[in-house]
C-alpha atoms as a PDB file:
ATOM      1  CA  MET A   1      -2.683 -59.728 -47.528  1.00  0.00           C
ATOM      2  CA  SER A   2      -4.478 -60.979 -45.086  1.00  0.00           C
ATOM      3  CA  ASP A   3      -8.160 -61.210 -44.719  1.00  0.00           C
ATOM      4  CA  ARG A   4     -10.282 -60.579 -41.196  1.00  0.00           C
ATOM      5  CA  VAL A   5     -13.255 -62.972 -40.504  1.00  0.00           C
ATOM      6  CA  ALA A   6     -15.276 -62.676 -37.520  1.00  0.00           C
ATOM      7  CA  SER A   7     -16.338 -65.289 -35.564  1.00  0.00           C
ATOM      8  CA  ASP A   8     -19.907 -65.206 -36.065  1.00  0.00           C
ATOM      9  CA  GLY A   9     -19.360 -64.707 -39.850  1.00  0.00           C
ATOM     10  CA  ASP A  10     -20.365 -67.485 -42.600  1.00  0.00           C
ATOM     11  CA  GLY A  11     -16.746 -68.478 -43.165  1.00  0.00           C
ATOM     12  CA  VAL A  12     -16.479 -69.690 -39.480  1.00  0.00           C
ATOM     13  CA  THR A  13     -17.766 -72.835 -37.825  1.00  0.00           C
ATOM     14  CA  ALA A  14     -17.935 -72.724 -33.924  1.00  0.00           C
ATOM     15  CA  TYR A  15     -18.000 -76.349 -32.033  1.00  0.00           C
ATOM     16  CA  ARG A  16     -18.695 -76.284 -28.758  1.00  0.00           C
ATOM     17  CA  ALA A  17     -15.405 -77.480 -26.455  1.00  0.00           C
ATOM     18  CA  ARG A  18     -15.091 -78.845 -22.775  1.00  0.00           C
ATOM     19  CA  VAL A  19     -12.111 -77.330 -20.304  1.00  0.00           C
ATOM     20  CA  ALA A  20     -10.419 -80.732 -18.967  1.00  0.00           C
ATOM     21  CA  ARG A  21      -7.703 -81.637 -16.475  1.00  0.00           C
ATOM     22  CA  SER A  22      -4.631 -82.687 -18.252  1.00  0.00           C
ATOM     23  CA  GLY A  23      -3.686 -86.700 -16.702  1.00  0.00           C
ATOM     24  CA  GLY A  24      -3.081 -86.469 -12.954  1.00  0.00           C
ATOM     25  CA  THR A  25      -2.062 -82.782 -13.339  1.00  0.00           C
ATOM     26  CA  ARG A  26      -4.050 -79.953 -11.853  1.00  0.00           C
ATOM     27  CA  ARG A  27      -3.299 -78.051 -15.254  1.00  0.00           C
ATOM     28  CA  PRO A  28      -6.548 -76.997 -17.321  1.00  0.00           C
ATOM     29  CA  CYS A  29      -6.486 -78.635 -20.789  1.00  0.00           C
ATOM     30  CA  LEU A  30      -8.829 -78.748 -23.873  1.00  0.00           C
ATOM     31  CA  ARG A  31     -10.840 -81.351 -25.131  1.00  0.00           C
ATOM     32  CA  LEU A  32     -12.217 -81.226 -28.770  1.00  0.00           C
ATOM     33  CA  PRO A  33     -15.252 -82.371 -30.208  1.00  0.00           C
ATOM     34  CA  LYS A  34     -15.407 -85.396 -31.938  1.00  0.00           C
ATOM     35  CA  ALA A  35     -16.661 -83.073 -35.365  1.00  0.00           C
ATOM     36  CA  VAL A  36     -13.337 -81.332 -35.537  1.00  0.00           C
ATOM     37  CA  ASP A  37     -11.735 -83.454 -37.973  1.00  0.00           C
ATOM     38  CA  LEU A  38      -7.894 -83.119 -36.306  1.00  0.00           C
ATOM     39  CA  GLY A  39      -5.344 -85.934 -35.778  1.00  0.00           C
ATOM     40  CA  GLU A  40      -2.863 -86.899 -33.229  1.00  0.00           C
ATOM     41  CA  ASN A  41       0.370 -85.000 -33.669  1.00  0.00           C
ATOM     42  CA  ASP A  42      -1.069 -82.272 -35.835  1.00  0.00           C
ATOM     43  CA  VAL A  43       0.532 -78.936 -34.925  1.00  0.00           C
ATOM     44  CA  ILE A  44      -2.375 -76.362 -35.489  1.00  0.00           C
ATOM     45  CA  ARG A  45      -1.957 -72.519 -35.044  1.00  0.00           C
ATOM     46  CA  LEU A  46      -4.767 -71.232 -32.160  1.00  0.00           C
ATOM     47  CA  VAL A  47      -5.585 -68.004 -31.433  1.00  0.00           C
ATOM     48  CA  LEU A  48      -5.934 -66.565 -27.964  1.00  0.00           C
ATOM     49  CA  ASP A  49      -7.006 -63.033 -27.307  1.00  0.00           C
ATOM     50  CA  GLY A  50      -5.505 -62.123 -30.763  1.00  0.00           C
ATOM     51  CA  THR A  51      -2.896 -63.378 -30.117  1.00  0.00           C
ATOM     52  CA  GLU A  52      -1.691 -66.902 -32.564  1.00  0.00           C
ATOM     53  CA  CYS A  53      -0.142 -69.944 -31.372  1.00  0.00           C
ATOM     54  CA  HIS A  54       0.882 -73.281 -32.456  1.00  0.00           C
ATOM     55  CA  ALA A  55      -0.820 -76.240 -30.356  1.00  0.00           C
ATOM     56  CA  PRO A  56       0.348 -79.721 -30.382  1.00  0.00           C
ATOM     57  CA  VAL A  57      -3.238 -82.201 -30.830  1.00  0.00           C
ATOM     58  CA  VAL A  58      -2.778 -85.309 -28.743  1.00  0.00           C
ATOM     59  CA  THR A  59      -4.769 -88.268 -27.877  1.00  0.00           C
ATOM     60  CA  ASP A  60      -5.618 -90.164 -24.564  1.00  0.00           C
ATOM     61  CA  ALA A  61      -8.359 -92.858 -23.871  1.00  0.00           C
ATOM     62  CA  ASP A  62     -11.100 -89.984 -23.830  1.00  0.00           C
ATOM     63  CA  GLY A  63     -10.228 -89.007 -27.076  1.00  0.00           C
ATOM     64  CA  ARG A  64      -8.457 -85.691 -28.820  1.00  0.00           C
ATOM     65  CA  LEU A  65      -7.181 -82.692 -26.814  1.00  0.00           C
ATOM     66  CA  LEU A  66      -5.066 -79.349 -26.432  1.00  0.00           C
ATOM     67  CA  ARG A  67      -2.616 -79.440 -23.813  1.00  0.00           C
ATOM     68  CA  GLY A  68      -0.589 -76.688 -24.190  1.00  0.00           C
ATOM     69  CA  ALA A  69      -0.319 -73.806 -26.958  1.00  0.00           C
ATOM     70  CA  TYR A  70       3.355 -71.867 -27.366  1.00  0.00           C
ATOM     71  CA  ASP A  71       5.215 -69.522 -29.176  1.00  0.00           C
ATOM     72  CA  ASN A  72       6.243 -71.848 -31.926  1.00  0.00           C
ATOM     73  CA  ARG A  73       6.241 -74.633 -33.778  1.00  0.00           C
ATOM     74  CA  ARG A  74       9.238 -76.126 -32.093  1.00  0.00           C
ATOM     75  CA  LEU A  75       8.252 -75.416 -28.907  1.00  0.00           C
ATOM     76  CA  ALA A  76       4.724 -77.370 -29.525  1.00  0.00           C
ATOM     77  CA  ARG A  77       6.475 -79.846 -30.317  1.00  0.00           C
ATOM     78  CA  THR A  78       9.062 -80.433 -28.176  1.00  0.00           C
ATOM     79  CA  ASP A  79       6.084 -80.248 -25.558  1.00  0.00           C
ATOM     80  CA  GLY A  80       6.651 -76.693 -24.130  1.00  0.00           C
ATOM     81  CA  ASP A  81       9.691 -75.571 -23.072  1.00  0.00           C
ATOM     82  CA  GLY A  82       8.084 -71.793 -23.168  1.00  0.00           C
ATOM     83  CA  GLU A  83       5.395 -70.428 -21.807  1.00  0.00           C
ATOM     84  CA  ASN A  84       1.890 -72.932 -22.063  1.00  0.00           C
ATOM     85  CA  ARG A  85      -0.241 -69.632 -23.809  1.00  0.00           C
ATOM     86  CA  LEU A  86      -3.200 -71.930 -23.287  1.00  0.00           C
ATOM     87  CA  VAL A  87      -3.145 -72.491 -19.472  1.00  0.00           C
ATOM     88  CA  ALA A  88      -2.501 -68.856 -18.692  1.00  0.00           C
ATOM     89  CA  TRP A  89      -5.308 -68.126 -21.377  1.00  0.00           C
ATOM     90  CA  LEU A  90      -7.914 -70.702 -19.270  1.00  0.00           C
ATOM     91  CA  ARG A  91      -7.139 -68.847 -16.013  1.00  0.00           C
ATOM     92  CA  GLY A  92      -7.184 -65.578 -17.115  1.00  0.00           C
ATOM     93  CA  VAL A  93     -10.509 -66.240 -18.814  1.00  0.00           C
ATOM     94  CA  ASP A  94     -11.853 -68.104 -15.535  1.00  0.00           C
ATOM     95  CA  ARG A  95     -12.251 -71.276 -17.297  1.00  0.00           C
ATOM     96  CA  ASP A  96     -12.144 -74.106 -15.034  1.00  0.00           C
ATOM     97  CA  PRO A  97     -12.690 -77.985 -15.880  1.00  0.00           C
ATOM     98  CA  GLY A  98     -16.225 -78.853 -17.059  1.00  0.00           C
ATOM     99  CA  GLU A  99     -16.570 -75.430 -18.505  1.00  0.00           C
ATOM    100  CA  SER A 100     -16.827 -74.815 -21.944  1.00  0.00           C
ATOM    101  CA  VAL A 101     -15.385 -72.382 -24.364  1.00  0.00           C
ATOM    102  CA  GLU A 102     -15.981 -72.036 -28.266  1.00  0.00           C
ATOM    103  CA  PHE A 103     -13.265 -73.742 -30.425  1.00  0.00           C
ATOM    104  CA  ASP A 104     -13.950 -71.760 -33.826  1.00  0.00           C
ATOM    105  CA  GLU A 105     -13.163 -73.721 -37.435  1.00  0.00           C
ATOM    106  CA  VAL A 106     -11.099 -70.649 -39.152  1.00  0.00           C
ATOM    107  CA  THR A 107      -9.186 -72.541 -41.492  1.00  0.00           C
ATOM    108  CA  PRO A 108      -9.732 -76.444 -41.286  1.00  0.00           C
ATOM    109  CA  GLY A 109      -6.929 -78.268 -40.248  1.00  0.00           C
ATOM    110  CA  TYR A 110      -4.842 -75.368 -39.912  1.00  0.00           C
ATOM    111  CA  LEU A 111      -6.215 -72.198 -38.185  1.00  0.00           C
ATOM    112  CA  TYR A 112      -8.642 -72.109 -34.868  1.00  0.00           C
ATOM    113  CA  GLY A 113      -9.494 -69.801 -32.187  1.00  0.00           C
ATOM    114  CA  VAL A 114     -10.697 -70.213 -28.703  1.00  0.00           C
ATOM    115  CA  ARG A 115     -12.999 -67.797 -26.993  1.00  0.00           C
ATOM    116  CA  VAL A 116     -15.507 -67.554 -23.989  1.00  0.00           C
ATOM    117  CA  PRO A 117     -19.292 -68.561 -25.482  1.00  0.00           C
ATOM    118  CA  GLY A 118     -21.288 -65.119 -25.940  1.00  0.00           C
ATOM    119  CA  LYS A 119     -17.623 -63.315 -26.578  1.00  0.00           C
ATOM    120  CA  ARG A 120     -16.759 -62.580 -30.353  1.00  0.00           C
ATOM    121  CA  ALA A 121     -13.563 -62.792 -32.002  1.00  0.00           C
ATOM    122  CA  ILE A 122     -12.014 -61.202 -35.407  1.00  0.00           C
ATOM    123  CA  TYR A 123      -9.391 -63.603 -36.844  1.00  0.00           C
ATOM    124  CA  GLU A 124      -6.735 -62.959 -39.120  1.00  0.00           C
ATOM    125  CA  VAL A 125      -6.928 -65.291 -41.699  1.00  0.00           C
ATOM    126  CA  THR A 126      -3.065 -66.024 -43.654  1.00  0.00           C
ATOM    127  CA  ARG A 127      -3.095 -68.326 -46.135  1.00  0.00           C
ATOM    128  CA  ARG A 128      -2.006 -72.109 -45.460  1.00  0.00           C
ATOM    129  CA  PRO A 129       1.616 -72.680 -46.224  1.00  0.00           C
ATOM    130  CA  ASP A 130       2.673 -74.732 -49.192  1.00  0.00           C
ATOM    131  CA  SER A 131       2.811 -78.671 -48.414  1.00  0.00           C
ATOM    132  CA  SER A 132       5.971 -78.504 -50.264  1.00  0.00           C
ATOM    133  CA  LEU A 133       7.386 -75.733 -48.421  1.00  0.00           C
ATOM    134  CA  SER A 134       5.900 -77.443 -44.522  1.00  0.00           C
ATOM    135  CA  SER A 135       7.480 -80.737 -45.180  1.00  0.00           C
ATOM    136  CA  ILE A 136      10.616 -79.359 -45.938  1.00  0.00           C
ATOM    137  CA  ALA A 137      10.014 -77.264 -42.767  1.00  0.00           C
ATOM    138  CA  GLU A 138       9.394 -80.260 -41.089  1.00  0.00           C
ATOM    139  CA  ASP A 139      12.916 -82.296 -42.607  1.00  0.00           C
ATOM    140  CA  LEU A 140      15.078 -78.962 -41.171  1.00  0.00           C
ATOM    141  CA  GLU A 141      13.289 -79.547 -37.696  1.00  0.00           C
END
């Protein structure tokens, strides 16, 4: 069974992230704050309005960012053959490059959430998979 935690609860750390542009495209992406400890090629679980997606962490000259969030890890690792849920969410909440969002760290290195500043979110905290099982699954992909 999973636990539920609120974005303003003691177990959640909120950071301010900035909406940016993804390279030369018009698509928005999310510039991660330096305080968040994620590495390039990490794939995190990202909650957008209660929907859990998978988002690959990439880097550019200015630091780490999320260019997209997808329905499963395979789509996230193949740079998104499916719908980019992050772009759709940013457009749906009218967040443009230069504006900020709250980036909630629910389970460090694993589960994060994004929300509009001033809004409250409830997250379902599931257990992180056993590292040996995760490595077997990655080898199969």
